[in-house]
Amino acid sequence: MWTNVQFTGSLAPSASQRWFTWGWPAAWHVVWYMVPTSPRAGAPQVDWDVSVERANDTQAAYWITVTNLTTSPVTFEGRYAVLS
């Protein structure tokens, strides 16, 4: 397994945004997760949802929607881990 940062983002209070990434080997098991980079103790800052598209016989595309759960701006990293 290895982990890497695919993208960084910032969201206004209570906002959502969608990211698209493509060309991933369909045989890979990819797990996506978001990590806030703006400190704020006491409650979750972001939530995310991942949708997958089989682009062709060998490639997959990911549609990642990130939502700011706070009433303040938030910055974050979109990270992934390849499990296989």
PDB file of N, CA and C in Angstrom:
ATOM      1  N   MET A   1       0.840  -1.176   0.000  1.00  0.00           N
ATOM      2  CA  MET A   1       0.000   0.000   0.000  1.00  0.00           C
ATOM      3  C   MET A   1       0.883   1.236   0.000  1.00  0.00           C
ATOM      4  N   TRP A   2       0.453   2.265  -0.700  1.00  0.00           N
ATOM      5  CA  TRP A   2       1.134   3.542  -0.662  1.00  0.00           C
ATOM      6  C   TRP A   2       0.093   4.644  -0.703  1.00  0.00           C
ATOM      7  N   THR A   3       0.450   5.785  -0.173  1.00  0.00           N
ATOM      8  CA  THR A   3      -0.469   6.911  -0.059  1.00  0.00           C
ATOM      9  C   THR A   3       0.155   8.126  -0.712  1.00  0.00           C
ATOM     10  N   ASN A   4      -0.691   8.970  -1.317  1.00  0.00           N
ATOM     11  CA  ASN A   4      -0.200  10.167  -1.969  1.00  0.00           C
ATOM     12  C   ASN A   4      -1.281  11.237  -1.925  1.00  0.00           C
ATOM     13  N   VAL A   5      -0.900  12.479  -2.115  1.00  0.00           N
ATOM     14  CA  VAL A   5      -1.847  13.582  -2.211  1.00  0.00           C
ATOM     15  C   VAL A   5      -2.164  13.799  -3.689  1.00  0.00           C
ATOM     16  N   GLN A   6      -3.441  13.737  -4.041  1.00  0.00           N
ATOM     17  CA  GLN A   6      -3.861  13.944  -5.420  1.00  0.00           C
ATOM     18  C   GLN A   6      -4.223  15.409  -5.675  1.00  0.00           C
ATOM     19  N   PHE A   7      -4.871  16.058  -4.714  1.00  0.00           N
ATOM     20  CA  PHE A   7      -5.265  17.447  -4.903  1.00  0.00           C
ATOM     21  C   PHE A   7      -5.414  18.137  -3.556  1.00  0.00           C
ATOM     22  N   THR A   8      -5.397  19.467  -3.594  1.00  0.00           N
ATOM     23  CA  THR A   8      -5.689  20.277  -2.414  1.00  0.00           C
ATOM     24  C   THR A   8      -6.879  21.154  -2.760  1.00  0.00           C
ATOM     25  N   GLY A   9      -7.587  21.576  -1.726  1.00  0.00           N
ATOM     26  CA  GLY A   9      -8.753  22.403  -1.988  1.00  0.00           C
ATOM     27  C   GLY A   9      -9.072  23.295  -0.816  1.00  0.00           C
ATOM     28  N   SER A  10      -9.976  24.230  -1.072  1.00  0.00           N
ATOM     29  CA  SER A  10     -10.509  25.084  -0.013  1.00  0.00           C
ATOM     30  C   SER A  10     -11.988  25.265  -0.296  1.00  0.00           C
ATOM     31  N   LEU A  11     -12.753  25.332   0.784  1.00  0.00           N
ATOM     32  CA  LEU A  11     -14.197  25.465   0.660  1.00  0.00           C
ATOM     33  C   LEU A  11     -14.697  26.571   1.574  1.00  0.00           C
ATOM     34  N   ALA A  12     -15.649  27.343   1.076  1.00  0.00           N
ATOM     35  CA  ALA A  12     -16.323  28.348   1.883  1.00  0.00           C
ATOM     36  C   ALA A  12     -17.197  27.637   2.917  1.00  0.00           C
ATOM     37  N   PRO A  13     -17.659  28.354   3.921  1.00  0.00           N
ATOM     38  CA  PRO A  13     -18.522  27.740   4.928  1.00  0.00           C
ATOM     39  C   PRO A  13     -19.723  27.026   4.301  1.00  0.00           C
ATOM     40  N   SER A  14     -19.955  25.802   4.730  1.00  0.00           N
ATOM     41  CA  SER A  14     -21.096  24.970   4.311  1.00  0.00           C
ATOM     42  C   SER A  14     -21.142  24.674   2.812  1.00  0.00           C
ATOM     43  N   ALA A  15     -20.059  24.908   2.083  1.00  0.00           N
ATOM     44  CA  ALA A  15     -20.029  24.697   0.630  1.00  0.00           C
ATOM     45  C   ALA A  15     -19.609  23.277   0.281  1.00  0.00           C
ATOM     46  N   SER A  16     -19.948  22.875  -0.950  1.00  0.00           N
ATOM     47  CA  SER A  16     -19.514  21.592  -1.518  1.00  0.00           C
ATOM     48  C   SER A  16     -18.871  21.854  -2.863  1.00  0.00           C
ATOM     49  N   GLN A  17     -17.947  20.979  -3.225  1.00  0.00           N
ATOM     50  CA  GLN A  17     -17.321  21.050  -4.545  1.00  0.00           C
ATOM     51  C   GLN A  17     -16.996  19.640  -5.003  1.00  0.00           C
ATOM     52  N   ARG A  18     -17.000  19.437  -6.321  1.00  0.00           N
ATOM     53  CA  ARG A  18     -16.733  18.126  -6.898  1.00  0.00           C
ATOM     54  C   ARG A  18     -15.432  18.155  -7.685  1.00  0.00           C
ATOM     55  N   TRP A  19     -14.613  17.118  -7.502  1.00  0.00           N
ATOM     56  CA  TRP A  19     -13.366  16.937  -8.247  1.00  0.00           C
ATOM     57  C   TRP A  19     -13.492  15.688  -9.100  1.00  0.00           C
ATOM     58  N   PHE A  20     -12.804  15.698 -10.249  1.00  0.00           N
ATOM     59  CA  PHE A  20     -12.808  14.590 -11.183  1.00  0.00           C
ATOM     60  C   PHE A  20     -11.371  14.177 -11.454  1.00  0.00           C
ATOM     61  N   THR A  21     -11.099  12.889 -11.400  1.00  0.00           N
ATOM     62  CA  THR A  21      -9.768  12.379 -11.723  1.00  0.00           C
ATOM     63  C   THR A  21      -9.937  11.091 -12.512  1.00  0.00           C
ATOM     64  N   TRP A  22      -9.147  10.926 -13.554  1.00  0.00           N
ATOM     65  CA  TRP A  22      -9.359   9.798 -14.474  1.00  0.00           C
ATOM     66  C   TRP A  22      -8.034   9.137 -14.837  1.00  0.00           C
ATOM     67  N   GLY A  23      -8.140   8.004 -15.516  1.00  0.00           N
ATOM     68  CA  GLY A  23      -6.964   7.288 -15.996  1.00  0.00           C
ATOM     69  C   GLY A  23      -6.390   6.305 -14.996  1.00  0.00           C
ATOM     70  N   TRP A  24      -7.139   5.969 -13.969  1.00  0.00           N
ATOM     71  CA  TRP A  24      -6.667   5.037 -12.941  1.00  0.00           C
ATOM     72  C   TRP A  24      -6.820   3.602 -13.432  1.00  0.00           C
ATOM     73  N   PRO A  25      -5.825   2.759 -13.208  1.00  0.00           N
ATOM     74  CA  PRO A  25      -5.970   1.356 -13.601  1.00  0.00           C
ATOM     75  C   PRO A  25      -7.185   0.725 -12.907  1.00  0.00           C
ATOM     76  N   ALA A  26      -8.044   0.125 -13.683  1.00  0.00           N
ATOM     77  CA  ALA A  26      -9.270  -0.457 -13.137  1.00  0.00           C
ATOM     78  C   ALA A  26      -8.982  -1.616 -12.184  1.00  0.00           C
ATOM     79  N   ALA A  27      -7.833  -2.232 -12.305  1.00  0.00           N
ATOM     80  CA  ALA A  27      -7.487  -3.355 -11.425  1.00  0.00           C
ATOM     81  C   ALA A  27      -7.067  -2.895 -10.029  1.00  0.00           C
ATOM     82  N   TRP A  28      -6.750  -1.619  -9.869  1.00  0.00           N
ATOM     83  CA  TRP A  28      -6.345  -1.106  -8.564  1.00  0.00           C
ATOM     84  C   TRP A  28      -7.549  -0.955  -7.642  1.00  0.00           C
ATOM     85  N   HIS A  29      -7.335  -1.193  -6.364  1.00  0.00           N
ATOM     86  CA  HIS A  29      -8.322  -0.884  -5.331  1.00  0.00           C
ATOM     87  C   HIS A  29      -7.872   0.425  -4.694  1.00  0.00           C
ATOM     88  N   VAL A  30      -8.534   1.526  -5.059  1.00  0.00           N
ATOM     89  CA  VAL A  30      -8.136   2.858  -4.603  1.00  0.00           C
ATOM     90  C   VAL A  30      -9.122   3.340  -3.541  1.00  0.00           C
ATOM     91  N   VAL A  31      -8.605   3.808  -2.404  1.00  0.00           N
ATOM     92  CA  VAL A  31      -9.416   4.372  -1.327  1.00  0.00           C
ATOM     93  C   VAL A  31      -9.100   5.860  -1.242  1.00  0.00           C
ATOM     94  N   TRP A  32     -10.154   6.684  -1.226  1.00  0.00           N
ATOM     95  CA  TRP A  32      -9.999   8.134  -1.145  1.00  0.00           C
ATOM     96  C   TRP A  32     -10.366   8.632   0.240  1.00  0.00           C
ATOM     97  N   TYR A  33      -9.643   9.639   0.714  1.00  0.00           N
ATOM     98  CA  TYR A  33      -9.990  10.266   1.985  1.00  0.00           C
ATOM     99  C   TYR A  33      -9.497  11.708   1.983  1.00  0.00           C
ATOM    100  N   MET A  34     -10.172  12.547   2.757  1.00  0.00           N
ATOM    101  CA  MET A  34      -9.864  13.971   2.842  1.00  0.00           C
ATOM    102  C   MET A  34      -9.335  14.271   4.235  1.00  0.00           C
ATOM    103  N   VAL A  35      -8.297  15.100   4.299  1.00  0.00           N
ATOM    104  CA  VAL A  35      -7.683  15.465   5.575  1.00  0.00           C
ATOM    105  C   VAL A  35      -7.642  16.996   5.666  1.00  0.00           C
ATOM    106  N   PRO A  36      -8.355  17.589   6.636  1.00  0.00           N
ATOM    107  CA  PRO A  36      -8.311  19.040   6.792  1.00  0.00           C
ATOM    108  C   PRO A  36      -6.883  19.514   7.099  1.00  0.00           C
ATOM    109  N   THR A  37      -6.519  20.655   6.535  1.00  0.00           N
ATOM    110  CA  THR A  37      -5.216  21.258   6.809  1.00  0.00           C
ATOM    111  C   THR A  37      -5.363  22.561   7.582  1.00  0.00           C
ATOM    112  N   SER A  38      -6.602  22.980   7.817  1.00  0.00           N
ATOM    113  CA  SER A  38      -6.864  24.159   8.650  1.00  0.00           C
ATOM    114  C   SER A  38      -7.350  23.668  10.012  1.00  0.00           C
ATOM    115  N   PRO A  39      -6.562  23.909  11.069  1.00  0.00           N
ATOM    116  CA  PRO A  39      -6.906  23.379  12.386  1.00  0.00           C
ATOM    117  C   PRO A  39      -8.215  23.942  12.938  1.00  0.00           C
ATOM    118  N   ARG A  40      -8.994  23.054  13.525  1.00  0.00           N
ATOM    119  CA  ARG A  40     -10.217  23.438  14.245  1.00  0.00           C
ATOM    120  C   ARG A  40     -10.616  22.251  15.104  1.00  0.00           C
ATOM    121  N   ALA A  41     -10.412  22.368  16.388  1.00  0.00           N
ATOM    122  CA  ALA A  41     -10.704  21.257  17.294  1.00  0.00           C
ATOM    123  C   ALA A  41     -12.189  21.205  17.648  1.00  0.00           C
ATOM    124  N   GLY A  42     -12.667  19.988  17.935  1.00  0.00           N
ATOM    125  CA  GLY A  42     -13.982  19.836  18.527  1.00  0.00           C
ATOM    126  C   GLY A  42     -15.067  19.238  17.666  1.00  0.00           C
ATOM    127  N   ALA A  43     -14.911  19.196  16.343  1.00  0.00           N
ATOM    128  CA  ALA A  43     -15.976  18.652  15.498  1.00  0.00           C
ATOM    129  C   ALA A  43     -15.406  18.320  14.117  1.00  0.00           C
ATOM    130  N   PRO A  44     -16.072  17.423  13.387  1.00  0.00           N
ATOM    131  CA  PRO A  44     -15.637  17.123  12.020  1.00  0.00           C
ATOM    132  C   PRO A  44     -15.697  18.373  11.142  1.00  0.00           C
ATOM    133  N   GLN A  45     -14.754  18.478  10.211  1.00  0.00           N
ATOM    134  CA  GLN A  45     -14.695  19.640   9.323  1.00  0.00           C
ATOM    135  C   GLN A  45     -15.182  19.337   7.916  1.00  0.00           C
ATOM    136  N   VAL A  46     -14.882  18.153   7.409  1.00  0.00           N
ATOM    137  CA  VAL A  46     -15.274  17.829   6.040  1.00  0.00           C
ATOM    138  C   VAL A  46     -15.912  16.441   5.975  1.00  0.00           C
ATOM    139  N   ASP A  47     -16.735  16.276   4.968  1.00  0.00           N
ATOM    140  CA  ASP A  47     -17.302  14.979   4.611  1.00  0.00           C
ATOM    141  C   ASP A  47     -17.076  14.826   3.114  1.00  0.00           C
ATOM    142  N   TRP A  48     -17.036  13.587   2.628  1.00  0.00           N
ATOM    143  CA  TRP A  48     -16.824  13.388   1.203  1.00  0.00           C
ATOM    144  C   TRP A  48     -17.568  12.147   0.731  1.00  0.00           C
ATOM    145  N   ASP A  49     -17.812  12.142  -0.570  1.00  0.00           N
ATOM    146  CA  ASP A  49     -18.485  11.031  -1.229  1.00  0.00           C
ATOM    147  C   ASP A  49     -17.707  10.733  -2.506  1.00  0.00           C
ATOM    148  N   VAL A  50     -17.496   9.458  -2.777  1.00  0.00           N
ATOM    149  CA  VAL A  50     -16.739   9.049  -3.961  1.00  0.00           C
ATOM    150  C   VAL A  50     -17.633   8.210  -4.864  1.00  0.00           C
ATOM    151  N   SER A  51     -17.697   8.588  -6.127  1.00  0.00           N
ATOM    152  CA  SER A  51     -18.406   7.813  -7.143  1.00  0.00           C
ATOM    153  C   SER A  51     -17.385   7.344  -8.168  1.00  0.00           C
ATOM    154  N   VAL A  52     -17.623   6.170  -8.730  1.00  0.00           N
ATOM    155  CA  VAL A  52     -16.656   5.568  -9.654  1.00  0.00           C
ATOM    156  C   VAL A  52     -17.312   5.336 -11.009  1.00  0.00           C
ATOM    157  N   GLU A  53     -16.545   5.626 -12.061  1.00  0.00           N
ATOM    158  CA  GLU A  53     -16.968   5.377 -13.436  1.00  0.00           C
ATOM    159  C   GLU A  53     -15.958   4.437 -14.079  1.00  0.00           C
ATOM    160  N   ARG A  54     -16.426   3.385 -14.712  1.00  0.00           N
ATOM    161  CA  ARG A  54     -15.533   2.517 -15.492  1.00  0.00           C
ATOM    162  C   ARG A  54     -15.401   3.160 -16.866  1.00  0.00           C
ATOM    163  N   ALA A  55     -14.311   3.865 -17.084  1.00  0.00           N
ATOM    164  CA  ALA A  55     -14.129   4.657 -18.299  1.00  0.00           C
ATOM    165  C   ALA A  55     -13.966   3.795 -19.553  1.00  0.00           C
ATOM    166  N   ASN A  56     -13.248   2.683 -19.415  1.00  0.00           N
ATOM    167  CA  ASN A  56     -13.068   1.740 -20.522  1.00  0.00           C
ATOM    168  C   ASN A  56     -12.660   0.401 -19.916  1.00  0.00           C
ATOM    169  N   ASP A  57     -12.190  -0.526 -20.717  1.00  0.00           N
ATOM    170  CA  ASP A  57     -11.843  -1.858 -20.219  1.00  0.00           C
ATOM    171  C   ASP A  57     -10.744  -1.854 -19.168  1.00  0.00           C
ATOM    172  N   THR A  58      -9.860  -0.860 -19.209  1.00  0.00           N
ATOM    173  CA  THR A  58      -8.692  -0.889 -18.336  1.00  0.00           C
ATOM    174  C   THR A  58      -8.592   0.286 -17.368  1.00  0.00           C
ATOM    175  N   GLN A  59      -9.471   1.279 -17.479  1.00  0.00           N
ATOM    176  CA  GLN A  59      -9.336   2.482 -16.662  1.00  0.00           C
ATOM    177  C   GLN A  59     -10.619   2.850 -15.926  1.00  0.00           C
ATOM    178  N   ALA A  60     -10.422   3.481 -14.773  1.00  0.00           N
ATOM    179  CA  ALA A  60     -11.535   3.986 -13.968  1.00  0.00           C
ATOM    180  C   ALA A  60     -11.370   5.489 -13.767  1.00  0.00           C
ATOM    181  N   ALA A  61     -12.489   6.155 -13.524  1.00  0.00           N
ATOM    182  CA  ALA A  61     -12.498   7.579 -13.190  1.00  0.00           C
ATOM    183  C   ALA A  61     -13.227   7.741 -11.857  1.00  0.00           C
ATOM    184  N   TYR A  62     -12.800   8.729 -11.078  1.00  0.00           N
ATOM    185  CA  TYR A  62     -13.410   8.984  -9.772  1.00  0.00           C
ATOM    186  C   TYR A  62     -13.974  10.390  -9.742  1.00  0.00           C
ATOM    187  N   TRP A  63     -15.169  10.513  -9.185  1.00  0.00           N
ATOM    188  CA  TRP A  63     -15.854  11.783  -8.966  1.00  0.00           C
ATOM    189  C   TRP A  63     -15.945  11.944  -7.455  1.00  0.00           C
ATOM    190  N   ILE A  64     -15.261  12.947  -6.907  1.00  0.00           N
ATOM    191  CA  ILE A  64     -15.151  13.118  -5.456  1.00  0.00           C
ATOM    192  C   ILE A  64     -15.816  14.434  -5.062  1.00  0.00           C
ATOM    193  N   THR A  65     -16.844  14.336  -4.233  1.00  0.00           N
ATOM    194  CA  THR A  65     -17.548  15.521  -3.738  1.00  0.00           C
ATOM    195  C   THR A  65     -17.165  15.742  -2.282  1.00  0.00           C
ATOM    196  N   VAL A  66     -16.660  16.927  -1.984  1.00  0.00           N
ATOM    197  CA  VAL A  66     -16.226  17.280  -0.632  1.00  0.00           C
ATOM    198  C   VAL A  66     -17.148  18.384  -0.113  1.00  0.00           C
ATOM    199  N   THR A  67     -17.577  18.246   1.150  1.00  0.00           N
ATOM    200  CA  THR A  67     -18.478  19.208   1.775  1.00  0.00           C
ATOM    201  C   THR A  67     -17.841  19.751   3.051  1.00  0.00           C
ATOM    202  N   ASN A  68     -17.878  21.064   3.200  1.00  0.00           N
ATOM    203  CA  ASN A  68     -17.426  21.731   4.413  1.00  0.00           C
ATOM    204  C   ASN A  68     -18.564  21.657   5.432  1.00  0.00           C
ATOM    205  N   LEU A  69     -18.339  21.029   6.559  1.00  0.00           N
ATOM    206  CA  LEU A  69     -19.355  20.862   7.597  1.00  0.00           C
ATOM    207  C   LEU A  69     -19.383  22.004   8.603  1.00  0.00           C
ATOM    208  N   THR A  70     -18.522  22.995   8.417  1.00  0.00           N
ATOM    209  CA  THR A  70     -18.373  24.058   9.408  1.00  0.00           C
ATOM    210  C   THR A  70     -18.954  25.382   8.908  1.00  0.00           C
ATOM    211  N   THR A  71     -18.951  26.353   9.798  1.00  0.00           N
ATOM    212  CA  THR A  71     -19.376  27.709   9.446  1.00  0.00           C
ATOM    213  C   THR A  71     -18.178  28.616   9.187  1.00  0.00           C
ATOM    214  N   SER A  72     -17.012  27.990   8.979  1.00  0.00           N
ATOM    215  CA  SER A  72     -15.774  28.715   8.667  1.00  0.00           C
ATOM    216  C   SER A  72     -15.171  28.132   7.395  1.00  0.00           C
ATOM    217  N   PRO A  73     -14.341  28.918   6.679  1.00  0.00           N
ATOM    218  CA  PRO A  73     -13.633  28.340   5.535  1.00  0.00           C
ATOM    219  C   PRO A  73     -12.738  27.189   5.993  1.00  0.00           C
ATOM    220  N   VAL A  74     -12.518  26.212   5.117  1.00  0.00           N
ATOM    221  CA  VAL A  74     -11.677  25.067   5.454  1.00  0.00           C
ATOM    222  C   VAL A  74     -10.794  24.723   4.251  1.00  0.00           C
ATOM    223  N   THR A  75      -9.559  24.327   4.536  1.00  0.00           N
ATOM    224  CA  THR A  75      -8.660  23.815   3.503  1.00  0.00           C
ATOM    225  C   THR A  75      -8.397  22.347   3.804  1.00  0.00           C
ATOM    226  N   PHE A  76      -8.053  21.595   2.765  1.00  0.00           N
ATOM    227  CA  PHE A  76      -7.878  20.157   2.949  1.00  0.00           C
ATOM    228  C   PHE A  76      -7.011  19.576   1.836  1.00  0.00           C
ATOM    229  N   GLU A  77      -6.546  18.352   2.075  1.00  0.00           N
ATOM    230  CA  GLU A  77      -5.855  17.556   1.058  1.00  0.00           C
ATOM    231  C   GLU A  77      -6.741  16.376   0.686  1.00  0.00           C
ATOM    232  N   GLY A  78      -6.817  16.116  -0.604  1.00  0.00           N
ATOM    233  CA  GLY A  78      -7.490  14.916  -1.105  1.00  0.00           C
ATOM    234  C   GLY A  78      -6.437  13.839  -1.292  1.00  0.00           C
ATOM    235  N   ARG A  79      -6.472  12.823  -0.470  1.00  0.00           N
ATOM    236  CA  ARG A  79      -5.445  11.776  -0.494  1.00  0.00           C
ATOM    237  C   ARG A  79      -6.045  10.458  -0.970  1.00  0.00           C
ATOM    238  N   TYR A  80      -5.168   9.596  -1.470  1.00  0.00           N
ATOM    239  CA  TYR A  80      -5.606   8.263  -1.875  1.00  0.00           C
ATOM    240  C   TYR A  80      -4.595   7.235  -1.432  1.00  0.00           C
ATOM    241  N   ALA A  81      -5.070   6.018  -1.283  1.00  0.00           N
ATOM    242  CA  ALA A  81      -4.204   4.878  -1.001  1.00  0.00           C
ATOM    243  C   ALA A  81      -4.559   3.780  -1.989  1.00  0.00           C
ATOM    244  N   VAL A  82      -3.552   3.159  -2.548  1.00  0.00           N
ATOM    245  CA  VAL A  82      -3.748   2.035  -3.455  1.00  0.00           C
ATOM    246  C   VAL A  82      -3.520   0.765  -2.642  1.00  0.00           C
ATOM    247  N   LEU A  83      -4.569  -0.049  -2.513  1.00  0.00           N
ATOM    248  CA  LEU A  83      -4.493  -1.250  -1.686  1.00  0.00           C
ATOM    249  C   LEU A  83      -4.101  -2.488  -2.466  1.00  0.00           C
ATOM    250  N   SER A  84      -4.177  -2.424  -3.783  1.00  0.00           N
ATOM    251  CA  SER A  84      -3.754  -3.594  -4.570  1.00  0.00           C
ATOM    252  C   SER A  84      -3.063  -3.148  -5.840  1.00  0.00           C
TER     253      SER A  84
END
